[in-house]
Amino acid sequence: MPIIIKGVVNGKTIMLDDDPGLPQGFRATLHLILEPEKALQLSAGAWADMTPKQIAEFEELMTELDGRPFQVPGPDPS
């Protein structure tokens, strides 16, 4: 069962929000899961400053191309 703890990346260091409860020097494998709006921003940074009209047009285009509804992820409420 995974231990889920959020944190902030600072270069090669990740500062965790909570103590993981692991001994000092314990090796772990990290599986990064980006927040949806951050993932979109990283993959398409040029789109970060899109207006609401541009977002609506993009969603419409993606829906048309994919054949199913597409919606740009909004901010994480947490």
N, C-alpha and C. Protein backbone atom coordinates (compact mmCIF):
# COMPACT_ATOMS: atom_id res chain seq x y z
N MET A 1 0.86 -1.18 0.00
CA MET A 1 0.00 0.00 0.00
C MET A 1 0.90 1.24 0.00
N PRO A 2 0.66 2.16 -0.92
CA PRO A 2 1.52 3.35 -1.00
C PRO A 2 1.29 4.31 0.17
N ILE A 3 2.36 5.02 0.51
CA ILE A 3 2.27 6.12 1.47
C ILE A 3 2.14 7.38 0.64
N ILE A 4 1.10 8.15 0.82
CA ILE A 4 0.88 9.35 0.03
C ILE A 4 1.16 10.58 0.88
N ILE A 5 2.20 11.31 0.50
CA ILE A 5 2.57 12.54 1.19
C ILE A 5 2.91 13.57 0.13
N LYS A 6 2.34 14.75 0.25
CA LYS A 6 2.63 15.82 -0.70
C LYS A 6 3.88 16.57 -0.26
N GLY A 7 4.50 17.27 -1.20
CA GLY A 7 5.69 18.04 -0.89
C GLY A 7 5.99 19.04 -1.99
N VAL A 8 7.10 19.73 -1.83
CA VAL A 8 7.52 20.76 -2.78
C VAL A 8 8.93 20.43 -3.27
N VAL A 9 9.12 20.49 -4.59
CA VAL A 9 10.43 20.21 -5.19
C VAL A 9 11.28 21.46 -5.15
N ASN A 10 12.50 21.33 -4.63
CA ASN A 10 13.51 22.39 -4.61
C ASN A 10 14.79 21.79 -5.19
N GLY A 11 14.98 21.92 -6.49
CA GLY A 11 16.14 21.30 -7.12
C GLY A 11 16.03 19.79 -7.03
N LYS A 12 17.05 19.15 -6.42
CA LYS A 12 17.05 17.70 -6.27
C LYS A 12 16.46 17.26 -4.93
N THR A 13 15.93 18.20 -4.16
CA THR A 13 15.37 17.91 -2.85
C THR A 13 13.85 18.09 -2.89
N ILE A 14 13.14 17.18 -2.24
CA ILE A 14 11.69 17.32 -2.10
C ILE A 14 11.40 17.49 -0.62
N MET A 15 10.86 18.64 -0.26
CA MET A 15 10.48 18.92 1.12
C MET A 15 9.05 18.41 1.33
N LEU A 16 8.92 17.38 2.16
CA LEU A 16 7.60 16.78 2.39
C LEU A 16 6.79 17.60 3.37
N ASP A 17 5.48 17.63 3.14
CA ASP A 17 4.58 18.35 4.04
C ASP A 17 4.47 17.66 5.39
N ASP A 18 4.59 16.32 5.39
CA ASP A 18 4.46 15.54 6.62
C ASP A 18 5.63 14.57 6.76
N ASP A 19 5.90 14.13 7.97
CA ASP A 19 6.94 13.14 8.23
C ASP A 19 6.48 11.80 7.65
N PRO A 20 7.31 11.16 6.80
CA PRO A 20 6.89 9.89 6.21
C PRO A 20 6.98 8.72 7.18
N GLY A 21 7.62 8.93 8.34
CA GLY A 21 7.72 7.86 9.32
C GLY A 21 8.75 6.80 8.94
N LEU A 22 9.71 7.17 8.10
CA LEU A 22 10.74 6.23 7.66
C LEU A 22 12.07 6.60 8.30
N PRO A 23 12.95 5.62 8.53
CA PRO A 23 14.24 5.92 9.13
C PRO A 23 15.13 6.75 8.20
N GLN A 24 16.03 7.53 8.78
CA GLN A 24 16.98 8.35 8.04
C GLN A 24 17.78 7.45 7.09
N GLY A 25 17.95 7.87 5.84
CA GLY A 25 18.72 7.11 4.86
C GLY A 25 17.94 6.01 4.16
N PHE A 26 16.68 5.83 4.50
CA PHE A 26 15.84 4.80 3.88
C PHE A 26 15.68 5.11 2.39
N ARG A 27 15.92 4.14 1.53
CA ARG A 27 15.77 4.34 0.09
C ARG A 27 14.33 4.08 -0.32
N ALA A 28 13.81 4.92 -1.18
CA ALA A 28 12.43 4.79 -1.64
C ALA A 28 12.36 5.13 -3.12
N THR A 29 11.36 4.61 -3.79
CA THR A 29 11.10 4.95 -5.18
C THR A 29 9.94 5.92 -5.21
N LEU A 30 10.10 6.98 -5.96
CA LEU A 30 9.10 8.04 -6.02
C LEU A 30 8.27 7.93 -7.29
N HIS A 31 6.97 7.95 -7.17
CA HIS A 31 6.06 7.99 -8.32
C HIS A 31 5.39 9.35 -8.29
N LEU A 32 5.79 10.24 -9.20
CA LEU A 32 5.25 11.59 -9.20
C LEU A 32 3.90 11.62 -9.89
N ILE A 33 2.97 12.27 -9.25
CA ILE A 33 1.65 12.50 -9.83
C ILE A 33 1.41 14.00 -9.77
N LEU A 34 1.40 14.62 -10.93
CA LEU A 34 1.23 16.07 -10.99
C LEU A 34 -0.23 16.45 -10.87
N GLU A 35 -0.48 17.59 -10.25
CA GLU A 35 -1.84 18.11 -10.19
C GLU A 35 -2.24 18.46 -11.62
N PRO A 36 -3.50 18.19 -12.02
CA PRO A 36 -3.89 18.35 -13.42
C PRO A 36 -3.53 19.70 -14.05
N GLU A 37 -3.78 20.79 -13.33
CA GLU A 37 -3.49 22.10 -13.92
C GLU A 37 -1.99 22.32 -14.08
N LYS A 38 -1.17 21.75 -13.18
CA LYS A 38 0.29 21.87 -13.28
C LYS A 38 0.81 21.01 -14.43
N ALA A 39 0.24 19.83 -14.60
CA ALA A 39 0.65 18.96 -15.71
C ALA A 39 0.38 19.64 -17.05
N LEU A 40 -0.79 20.26 -17.17
CA LEU A 40 -1.13 20.97 -18.41
C LEU A 40 -0.20 22.15 -18.60
N GLN A 41 0.10 22.85 -17.54
CA GLN A 41 0.98 24.01 -17.63
C GLN A 41 2.40 23.59 -18.05
N LEU A 42 2.89 22.49 -17.50
CA LEU A 42 4.23 22.01 -17.86
C LEU A 42 4.28 21.49 -19.29
N SER A 43 3.24 20.80 -19.71
CA SER A 43 3.24 20.22 -21.05
C SER A 43 2.92 21.24 -22.13
N ALA A 44 2.26 22.30 -21.76
CA ALA A 44 1.87 23.33 -22.74
C ALA A 44 1.97 24.70 -22.09
N GLY A 45 3.16 25.06 -21.64
CA GLY A 45 3.37 26.30 -20.91
C GLY A 45 2.90 27.54 -21.64
N ALA A 46 2.94 27.51 -22.96
CA ALA A 46 2.51 28.67 -23.74
C ALA A 46 1.01 28.92 -23.56
N TRP A 47 0.29 27.91 -23.14
CA TRP A 47 -1.16 28.05 -22.98
C TRP A 47 -1.52 28.57 -21.59
N ALA A 48 -0.55 28.77 -20.73
CA ALA A 48 -0.83 29.14 -19.33
C ALA A 48 -1.60 30.44 -19.20
N ASP A 49 -1.43 31.35 -20.15
CA ASP A 49 -2.09 32.65 -20.06
C ASP A 49 -3.31 32.76 -20.97
N MET A 50 -3.93 31.63 -21.28
CA MET A 50 -5.09 31.64 -22.17
C MET A 50 -6.27 32.37 -21.51
N THR A 51 -7.00 33.10 -22.33
CA THR A 51 -8.21 33.76 -21.85
C THR A 51 -9.34 32.73 -21.75
N PRO A 52 -10.41 33.03 -21.01
CA PRO A 52 -11.54 32.10 -20.95
C PRO A 52 -12.08 31.76 -22.34
N LYS A 53 -12.10 32.74 -23.25
CA LYS A 53 -12.59 32.49 -24.61
C LYS A 53 -11.66 31.51 -25.33
N GLN A 54 -10.35 31.67 -25.18
CA GLN A 54 -9.40 30.77 -25.82
C GLN A 54 -9.52 29.35 -25.24
N ILE A 55 -9.75 29.26 -23.95
CA ILE A 55 -9.93 27.95 -23.31
C ILE A 55 -11.17 27.27 -23.88
N ALA A 56 -12.26 28.01 -23.99
CA ALA A 56 -13.50 27.46 -24.53
C ALA A 56 -13.30 26.98 -25.96
N GLU A 57 -12.59 27.77 -26.77
CA GLU A 57 -12.32 27.38 -28.16
C GLU A 57 -11.45 26.12 -28.21
N PHE A 58 -10.45 26.05 -27.34
CA PHE A 58 -9.57 24.88 -27.29
C PHE A 58 -10.35 23.63 -26.88
N GLU A 59 -11.20 23.77 -25.85
CA GLU A 59 -12.02 22.63 -25.42
C GLU A 59 -12.94 22.16 -26.54
N GLU A 60 -13.51 23.10 -27.27
CA GLU A 60 -14.39 22.76 -28.39
C GLU A 60 -13.61 22.01 -29.47
N LEU A 61 -12.43 22.50 -29.80
CA LEU A 61 -11.60 21.86 -30.82
C LEU A 61 -11.20 20.45 -30.40
N MET A 62 -10.76 20.29 -29.15
CA MET A 62 -10.34 18.98 -28.66
C MET A 62 -11.52 18.01 -28.61
N THR A 63 -12.69 18.49 -28.24
CA THR A 63 -13.89 17.66 -28.23
C THR A 63 -14.20 17.18 -29.64
N GLU A 64 -14.10 18.08 -30.59
CA GLU A 64 -14.37 17.74 -31.99
C GLU A 64 -13.35 16.72 -32.51
N LEU A 65 -12.07 16.92 -32.20
CA LEU A 65 -11.03 16.02 -32.69
C LEU A 65 -11.09 14.65 -32.04
N ASP A 66 -11.38 14.61 -30.74
CA ASP A 66 -11.37 13.35 -29.99
C ASP A 66 -12.71 12.61 -30.05
N GLY A 67 -13.78 13.33 -30.36
CA GLY A 67 -15.09 12.70 -30.42
C GLY A 67 -15.74 12.48 -29.07
N ARG A 68 -15.17 13.06 -28.02
CA ARG A 68 -15.78 12.98 -26.69
C ARG A 68 -15.47 14.28 -25.96
N PRO A 69 -16.28 14.64 -24.97
CA PRO A 69 -16.10 15.92 -24.29
C PRO A 69 -14.72 16.08 -23.68
N PHE A 70 -14.13 17.26 -23.87
CA PHE A 70 -12.83 17.59 -23.29
C PHE A 70 -12.98 18.86 -22.48
N GLN A 71 -12.38 18.86 -21.29
CA GLN A 71 -12.41 20.05 -20.45
C GLN A 71 -11.03 20.27 -19.85
N VAL A 72 -10.53 21.50 -19.97
CA VAL A 72 -9.25 21.85 -19.37
C VAL A 72 -9.42 21.75 -17.86
N PRO A 73 -8.50 21.04 -17.17
CA PRO A 73 -8.63 20.92 -15.72
C PRO A 73 -8.56 22.27 -15.02
N GLY A 74 -9.39 22.44 -14.02
CA GLY A 74 -9.38 23.67 -13.23
C GLY A 74 -8.42 23.52 -12.07
N PRO A 75 -8.30 24.57 -11.26
CA PRO A 75 -7.41 24.52 -10.10
C PRO A 75 -7.83 23.47 -9.08
N ASP A 76 -6.87 22.90 -8.40
CA ASP A 76 -7.13 21.92 -7.35
C ASP A 76 -7.76 22.65 -6.16
N PRO A 77 -8.95 22.20 -5.70
CA PRO A 77 -9.62 22.92 -4.61
C PRO A 77 -8.94 22.76 -3.25
N SER A 78 -7.99 21.86 -3.11
CA SER A 78 -7.37 21.65 -1.78
C SER A 78 -6.28 22.66 -1.49
